[in-house]
Amino acid sequence: MTDTKSLFQNNDLRCGGFYELCIQVCPSVDTKPIQLYSNYFWTLDNIEGPFDKEFNKIQIPNEYYELQGLLTLDNFIIPFKTFNIREQEPIETGSNWFDISFYTATLDFVFGLTNQHWSESDSCPTILKNFLLDTVRKLYSIHPFQLAFLDFEISGQYYLNDLKGDLNNWTNTKFFVGKENYTDIKSDYKSLVTIVD
């Protein structure tokens, strides 16, 4: 059994790309929803952190780019990162993003996965996928986001407007939108989208 600190600090497990939930939350000029998301997420009973690199607990800064923590699901302890990406060029048309990201090497180790081809198929363990799907619903209820998607190495690849025009969907991406945005999705892509309410 690997102790929690060693697992968190194991650089050999910080590779392979990210399996991630990415959320286009709101326009960049509005930072309040990101604070609401962060405050909710980091107070979940099965979330520990955020931690610095030495595994000391830190406060959530008002503005941040990256935070690291641990997620416990049953007997599985999973290191992860959250990212707050605030597009600022130009800030009037940019978006605020909230991402929850897991290194695939970490997932392979923690769940004992072998011969996974994360870029070719969705290899996410059901228990983690269910947590992320539940998180999508909870975050939407706190503040309705514009778009959320779940896949391997997917951050920054899509925007809500991409689902209204010509989508270059080269992966197994799962998309989530609210009812108010679903009506604007191009009919060709509606089968790729789950409505969140």
C-alpha atoms as a PDB file:
ATOM      1  CA  MET A   1       0.000   0.000   0.000  1.00  0.00           C
ATOM      2  CA  THR A   2       1.457   3.327  -1.072  1.00  0.00           C
ATOM      3  CA  ASP A   3       1.139   6.076   1.523  1.00  0.00           C
ATOM      4  CA  THR A   4      -0.824   9.155   0.517  1.00  0.00           C
ATOM      5  CA  LYS A   5       2.074  11.610   0.536  1.00  0.00           C
ATOM      6  CA  SER A   6       4.274   9.323  -1.595  1.00  0.00           C
ATOM      7  CA  LEU A   7       1.429   8.829  -4.042  1.00  0.00           C
ATOM      8  CA  PHE A   8       0.843  12.581  -4.265  1.00  0.00           C
ATOM      9  CA  GLN A   9       4.547  13.355  -4.793  1.00  0.00           C
ATOM     10  CA  ASN A  10       5.363  10.476  -7.166  1.00  0.00           C
ATOM     11  CA  ASN A  11       6.613  12.230 -10.315  1.00  0.00           C
ATOM     12  CA  ASP A  12       6.610   8.936 -12.235  1.00  0.00           C
ATOM     13  CA  LEU A  13       2.811   9.045 -12.087  1.00  0.00           C
ATOM     14  CA  ARG A  14       2.615  12.602 -13.425  1.00  0.00           C
ATOM     15  CA  CYS A  15       2.710  11.720 -17.091  1.00  0.00           C
ATOM     16  CA  GLY A  16       0.705  10.222 -19.909  1.00  0.00           C
ATOM     17  CA  GLY A  17      -1.565  13.177 -20.516  1.00  0.00           C
ATOM     18  CA  PHE A  18      -4.768  14.144 -18.731  1.00  0.00           C
ATOM     19  CA  TYR A  19      -8.188  12.574 -18.581  1.00  0.00           C
ATOM     20  CA  GLU A  20     -10.250  15.625 -17.767  1.00  0.00           C
ATOM     21  CA  LEU A  21     -13.526  17.341 -17.218  1.00  0.00           C
ATOM     22  CA  CYS A  22     -13.356  20.781 -18.843  1.00  0.00           C
ATOM     23  CA  ILE A  23     -16.003  23.415 -18.249  1.00  0.00           C
ATOM     24  CA  GLN A  24     -16.496  26.620 -20.221  1.00  0.00           C
ATOM     25  CA  VAL A  25     -18.054  28.392 -17.258  1.00  0.00           C
ATOM     26  CA  CYS A  26     -18.744  31.988 -18.255  1.00  0.00           C
ATOM     27  CA  PRO A  27     -17.244  35.054 -19.947  1.00  0.00           C
ATOM     28  CA  SER A  28     -13.794  36.065 -18.654  1.00  0.00           C
ATOM     29  CA  VAL A  29     -15.076  39.338 -17.247  1.00  0.00           C
ATOM     30  CA  ASP A  30     -17.113  37.425 -14.627  1.00  0.00           C
ATOM     31  CA  THR A  31     -14.915  35.703 -12.015  1.00  0.00           C
ATOM     32  CA  LYS A  32     -17.572  35.010  -9.368  1.00  0.00           C
ATOM     33  CA  PRO A  33     -18.725  31.648 -10.818  1.00  0.00           C
ATOM     34  CA  ILE A  34     -15.160  30.282 -10.662  1.00  0.00           C
ATOM     35  CA  GLN A  35     -15.007  31.195  -6.966  1.00  0.00           C
ATOM     36  CA  LEU A  36     -18.346  29.440  -6.414  1.00  0.00           C
ATOM     37  CA  TYR A  37     -17.114  26.319  -8.227  1.00  0.00           C
ATOM     38  CA  SER A  38     -13.816  26.282  -6.310  1.00  0.00           C
ATOM     39  CA  ASN A  39     -15.484  26.809  -2.945  1.00  0.00           C
ATOM     40  CA  TYR A  40     -17.923  23.974  -3.606  1.00  0.00           C
ATOM     41  CA  PHE A  41     -15.420  21.514  -5.054  1.00  0.00           C
ATOM     42  CA  TRP A  42     -12.692  21.909  -2.438  1.00  0.00           C
ATOM     43  CA  THR A  43     -15.171  21.409   0.415  1.00  0.00           C
ATOM     44  CA  LEU A  44     -16.458  18.026  -0.780  1.00  0.00           C
ATOM     45  CA  ASP A  45     -16.047  15.299   1.841  1.00  0.00           C
ATOM     46  CA  ASN A  46     -13.986  13.112  -0.497  1.00  0.00           C
ATOM     47  CA  ILE A  47     -11.617  15.900  -1.601  1.00  0.00           C
ATOM     48  CA  GLU A  48      -8.418  16.731   0.301  1.00  0.00           C
ATOM     49  CA  GLY A  49      -6.334  19.808  -0.401  1.00  0.00           C
ATOM     50  CA  PRO A  50      -5.325  21.909  -2.034  1.00  0.00           C
ATOM     51  CA  PHE A  51      -1.701  21.059  -1.277  1.00  0.00           C
ATOM     52  CA  ASP A  52       1.616  22.605  -2.225  1.00  0.00           C
ATOM     53  CA  LYS A  53       4.358  20.414  -3.735  1.00  0.00           C
ATOM     54  CA  GLU A  54       5.597  19.492  -0.242  1.00  0.00           C
ATOM     55  CA  PHE A  55       2.107  18.158   0.623  1.00  0.00           C
ATOM     56  CA  ASN A  56       1.271  21.032   2.965  1.00  0.00           C
ATOM     57  CA  LYS A  57      -2.337  22.158   2.877  1.00  0.00           C
ATOM     58  CA  ILE A  58      -2.788  25.662   1.442  1.00  0.00           C
ATOM     59  CA  GLN A  59      -5.656  28.142   1.229  1.00  0.00           C
ATOM     60  CA  ILE A  60      -7.513  28.587  -2.038  1.00  0.00           C
ATOM     61  CA  PRO A  61      -6.244  31.855  -3.538  1.00  0.00           C
ATOM     62  CA  ASN A  62      -8.804  34.309  -4.923  1.00  0.00           C
ATOM     63  CA  GLU A  63      -7.201  33.853  -8.330  1.00  0.00           C
ATOM     64  CA  TYR A  64      -5.165  30.837  -9.327  1.00  0.00           C
ATOM     65  CA  TYR A  65      -4.113  28.836 -12.345  1.00  0.00           C
ATOM     66  CA  GLU A  66      -3.495  25.375 -10.854  1.00  0.00           C
ATOM     67  CA  LEU A  67      -4.282  23.588  -7.582  1.00  0.00           C
ATOM     68  CA  GLN A  68      -3.497  19.998  -6.582  1.00  0.00           C
ATOM     69  CA  GLY A  69      -5.367  17.614  -4.325  1.00  0.00           C
ATOM     70  CA  LEU A  70      -6.546  14.088  -3.619  1.00  0.00           C
ATOM     71  CA  LEU A  71      -9.885  12.483  -4.443  1.00  0.00           C
ATOM     72  CA  THR A  72     -11.054   9.434  -2.487  1.00  0.00           C
ATOM     73  CA  LEU A  73     -13.565   7.102  -4.137  1.00  0.00           C
ATOM     74  CA  ASP A  74     -14.210   3.971  -2.062  1.00  0.00           C
ATOM     75  CA  ASN A  75     -10.710   2.570  -1.421  1.00  0.00           C
ATOM     76  CA  PHE A  76      -9.073   4.502  -4.268  1.00  0.00           C
ATOM     77  CA  ILE A  77      -7.031   7.639  -3.535  1.00  0.00           C
ATOM     78  CA  ILE A  78      -6.421   9.627  -6.712  1.00  0.00           C
ATOM     79  CA  PRO A  79      -4.155  12.684  -7.085  1.00  0.00           C
ATOM     80  CA  PHE A  80      -5.570  15.335  -9.414  1.00  0.00           C
ATOM     81  CA  LYS A  81      -5.251  18.957 -10.480  1.00  0.00           C
ATOM     82  CA  THR A  82      -7.782  21.686 -11.025  1.00  0.00           C
ATOM     83  CA  PHE A  83      -7.118  24.510 -13.442  1.00  0.00           C
ATOM     84  CA  ASN A  84      -8.724  27.931 -13.657  1.00  0.00           C
ATOM     85  CA  ILE A  85      -7.986  29.281 -17.100  1.00  0.00           C
ATOM     86  CA  ARG A  86      -9.044  32.873 -17.676  1.00  0.00           C
ATOM     87  CA  GLU A  87      -8.763  33.890 -21.307  1.00  0.00           C
ATOM     88  CA  GLN A  88      -7.745  37.531 -21.430  1.00  0.00           C
ATOM     89  CA  GLU A  89      -6.922  38.376 -25.026  1.00  0.00           C
ATOM     90  CA  PRO A  90      -9.357  39.986 -25.497  1.00  0.00           C
ATOM     91  CA  ILE A  91     -11.044  39.656 -22.118  1.00  0.00           C
ATOM     92  CA  GLU A  92     -14.379  40.853 -23.540  1.00  0.00           C
ATOM     93  CA  THR A  93     -14.738  37.739 -25.714  1.00  0.00           C
ATOM     94  CA  GLY A  94     -12.745  35.205 -23.679  1.00  0.00           C
ATOM     95  CA  SER A  95     -14.053  32.540 -21.323  1.00  0.00           C
ATOM     96  CA  ASN A  96     -13.350  31.340 -17.806  1.00  0.00           C
ATOM     97  CA  TRP A  97     -12.594  27.620 -17.649  1.00  0.00           C
ATOM     98  CA  PHE A  98     -12.681  25.213 -14.706  1.00  0.00           C
ATOM     99  CA  ASP A  99     -10.909  21.916 -15.401  1.00  0.00           C
ATOM    100  CA  ILE A 100     -10.504  18.817 -13.214  1.00  0.00           C
ATOM    101  CA  SER A 101      -7.614  16.763 -14.581  1.00  0.00           C
ATOM    102  CA  PHE A 102      -6.131  13.344 -13.791  1.00  0.00           C
ATOM    103  CA  TYR A 103      -2.825  12.080 -15.182  1.00  0.00           C
ATOM    104  CA  THR A 104      -3.503   8.848 -17.040  1.00  0.00           C
ATOM    105  CA  ALA A 105      -0.379   7.237 -15.556  1.00  0.00           C
ATOM    106  CA  THR A 106      -1.874   7.953 -12.124  1.00  0.00           C
ATOM    107  CA  LEU A 107      -5.202   6.393 -13.109  1.00  0.00           C
ATOM    108  CA  ASP A 108      -3.436   3.343 -14.546  1.00  0.00           C
ATOM    109  CA  PHE A 109      -1.496   2.898 -11.286  1.00  0.00           C
ATOM    110  CA  VAL A 110      -4.317   3.568  -8.824  1.00  0.00           C
ATOM    111  CA  PHE A 111      -6.882   1.409 -10.625  1.00  0.00           C
ATOM    112  CA  GLY A 112      -4.435  -1.258 -11.835  1.00  0.00           C
ATOM    113  CA  LEU A 113      -5.223  -0.607 -15.493  1.00  0.00           C
ATOM    114  CA  THR A 114      -3.031  -2.164 -18.178  1.00  0.00           C
ATOM    115  CA  ASN A 115      -2.716  -1.708 -21.932  1.00  0.00           C
ATOM    116  CA  GLN A 116      -4.911   1.383 -21.944  1.00  0.00           C
ATOM    117  CA  HIS A 117      -5.095   3.495 -25.078  1.00  0.00           C
ATOM    118  CA  TRP A 118      -6.520   6.680 -23.628  1.00  0.00           C
ATOM    119  CA  SER A 119      -6.336   8.584 -26.914  1.00  0.00           C
ATOM    120  CA  GLU A 120      -8.292   5.893 -28.770  1.00  0.00           C
ATOM    121  CA  SER A 121     -11.037   4.914 -26.344  1.00  0.00           C
ATOM    122  CA  ASP A 122     -12.598   5.982 -23.081  1.00  0.00           C
ATOM    123  CA  SER A 123     -10.739   3.941 -20.460  1.00  0.00           C
ATOM    124  CA  CYS A 124     -12.000   5.869 -17.445  1.00  0.00           C
ATOM    125  CA  PRO A 125     -13.060   3.619 -14.547  1.00  0.00           C
ATOM    126  CA  THR A 126     -16.810   3.786 -13.926  1.00  0.00           C
ATOM    127  CA  ILE A 127     -16.449   4.995 -10.343  1.00  0.00           C
ATOM    128  CA  LEU A 128     -14.436   8.036 -11.470  1.00  0.00           C
ATOM    129  CA  LYS A 129     -16.657   8.745 -14.459  1.00  0.00           C
ATOM    130  CA  ASN A 130     -19.735   8.689 -12.208  1.00  0.00           C
ATOM    131  CA  PHE A 131     -18.060  11.146  -9.825  1.00  0.00           C
ATOM    132  CA  LEU A 132     -17.264  13.505 -12.708  1.00  0.00           C
ATOM    133  CA  LEU A 133     -20.791  13.255 -14.132  1.00  0.00           C
ATOM    134  CA  ASP A 134     -22.243  14.001 -10.703  1.00  0.00           C
ATOM    135  CA  THR A 135     -19.846  16.950 -10.424  1.00  0.00           C
ATOM    136  CA  VAL A 136     -21.101  18.284 -13.776  1.00  0.00           C
ATOM    137  CA  ARG A 137     -24.672  18.295 -12.466  1.00  0.00           C
ATOM    138  CA  LYS A 138     -23.752  19.851  -9.119  1.00  0.00           C
ATOM    139  CA  LEU A 139     -21.639  22.619 -10.655  1.00  0.00           C
ATOM    140  CA  TYR A 140     -24.373  23.400 -13.166  1.00  0.00           C
ATOM    141  CA  SER A 141     -26.855  23.782 -10.297  1.00  0.00           C
ATOM    142  CA  ILE A 142     -24.480  26.254  -8.593  1.00  0.00           C
ATOM    143  CA  HIS A 143     -23.977  28.315 -11.755  1.00  0.00           C
ATOM    144  CA  PRO A 144     -25.189  27.226 -15.216  1.00  0.00           C
ATOM    145  CA  PHE A 145     -22.087  26.795 -17.372  1.00  0.00           C
ATOM    146  CA  GLN A 146     -21.994  27.233 -21.135  1.00  0.00           C
ATOM    147  CA  LEU A 147     -20.402  23.889 -22.060  1.00  0.00           C
ATOM    148  CA  ALA A 148     -18.714  20.963 -20.338  1.00  0.00           C
ATOM    149  CA  PHE A 149     -16.890  18.040 -21.907  1.00  0.00           C
ATOM    150  CA  LEU A 150     -15.121  14.920 -20.749  1.00  0.00           C
ATOM    151  CA  ASP A 151     -12.274  13.143 -22.549  1.00  0.00           C
ATOM    152  CA  PHE A 152      -8.523  12.581 -22.836  1.00  0.00           C
ATOM    153  CA  GLU A 153      -6.318  15.681 -23.418  1.00  0.00           C
ATOM    154  CA  ILE A 154      -9.295  17.802 -24.362  1.00  0.00           C
ATOM    155  CA  SER A 155      -8.861  21.115 -22.536  1.00  0.00           C
ATOM    156  CA  GLY A 156      -9.291  24.107 -24.818  1.00  0.00           C
ATOM    157  CA  GLN A 157     -10.307  22.009 -27.824  1.00  0.00           C
ATOM    158  CA  TYR A 158     -13.957  23.052 -28.005  1.00  0.00           C
ATOM    159  CA  TYR A 159     -16.222  25.997 -27.273  1.00  0.00           C
ATOM    160  CA  LEU A 160     -20.003  26.146 -27.180  1.00  0.00           C
ATOM    161  CA  ASN A 161     -19.992  27.900 -30.566  1.00  0.00           C
ATOM    162  CA  ASP A 162     -18.204  24.888 -32.107  1.00  0.00           C
ATOM    163  CA  LEU A 163     -21.370  22.840 -31.577  1.00  0.00           C
ATOM    164  CA  LYS A 164     -23.366  25.406 -33.516  1.00  0.00           C
ATOM    165  CA  GLY A 165     -21.253  25.226 -36.682  1.00  0.00           C
ATOM    166  CA  ASP A 166     -18.813  22.762 -38.206  1.00  0.00           C
ATOM    167  CA  LEU A 167     -17.441  20.549 -35.453  1.00  0.00           C
ATOM    168  CA  ASN A 168     -14.153  18.726 -35.876  1.00  0.00           C
ATOM    169  CA  ASN A 169     -14.885  15.932 -33.367  1.00  0.00           C
ATOM    170  CA  TRP A 170     -11.909  13.610 -33.627  1.00  0.00           C
ATOM    171  CA  THR A 171     -12.342  11.927 -30.249  1.00  0.00           C
ATOM    172  CA  ASN A 172     -14.872  10.197 -28.016  1.00  0.00           C
ATOM    173  CA  THR A 173     -15.786  13.459 -26.323  1.00  0.00           C
ATOM    174  CA  LYS A 174     -18.917  13.634 -24.200  1.00  0.00           C
ATOM    175  CA  PHE A 175     -20.518  17.100 -24.265  1.00  0.00           C
ATOM    176  CA  PHE A 176     -22.901  18.638 -21.710  1.00  0.00           C
ATOM    177  CA  VAL A 177     -25.026  21.791 -22.029  1.00  0.00           C
ATOM    178  CA  GLY A 178     -28.059  23.313 -20.360  1.00  0.00           C
ATOM    179  CA  LYS A 179     -31.483  23.343 -22.007  1.00  0.00           C
ATOM    180  CA  GLU A 180     -31.096  27.011 -22.923  1.00  0.00           C
ATOM    181  CA  ASN A 181     -28.054  26.194 -25.087  1.00  0.00           C
ATOM    182  CA  TYR A 182     -29.248  22.851 -26.458  1.00  0.00           C
ATOM    183  CA  THR A 183     -31.716  24.454 -28.866  1.00  0.00           C
ATOM    184  CA  ASP A 184     -28.835  26.287 -30.588  1.00  0.00           C
ATOM    185  CA  ILE A 185     -26.771  23.116 -31.137  1.00  0.00           C
ATOM    186  CA  LYS A 186     -26.561  22.058 -34.773  1.00  0.00           C
ATOM    187  CA  SER A 187     -28.893  19.101 -35.355  1.00  0.00           C
ATOM    188  CA  ASP A 188     -25.976  16.951 -36.603  1.00  0.00           C
ATOM    189  CA  TYR A 189     -24.350  17.182 -33.153  1.00  0.00           C
ATOM    190  CA  LYS A 190     -27.333  16.873 -30.813  1.00  0.00           C
ATOM    191  CA  SER A 191     -26.690  13.141 -30.414  1.00  0.00           C
ATOM    192  CA  LEU A 192     -23.255  13.967 -28.935  1.00  0.00           C
ATOM    193  CA  VAL A 193     -24.708  16.255 -26.273  1.00  0.00           C
ATOM    194  CA  THR A 194     -26.320  15.490 -22.910  1.00  0.00           C
ATOM    195  CA  ILE A 195     -28.661  18.085 -21.434  1.00  0.00           C
ATOM    196  CA  VAL A 196     -27.871  19.089 -17.851  1.00  0.00           C
ATOM    197  CA  ASP A 197     -30.555  20.637 -15.670  1.00  0.00           C
END
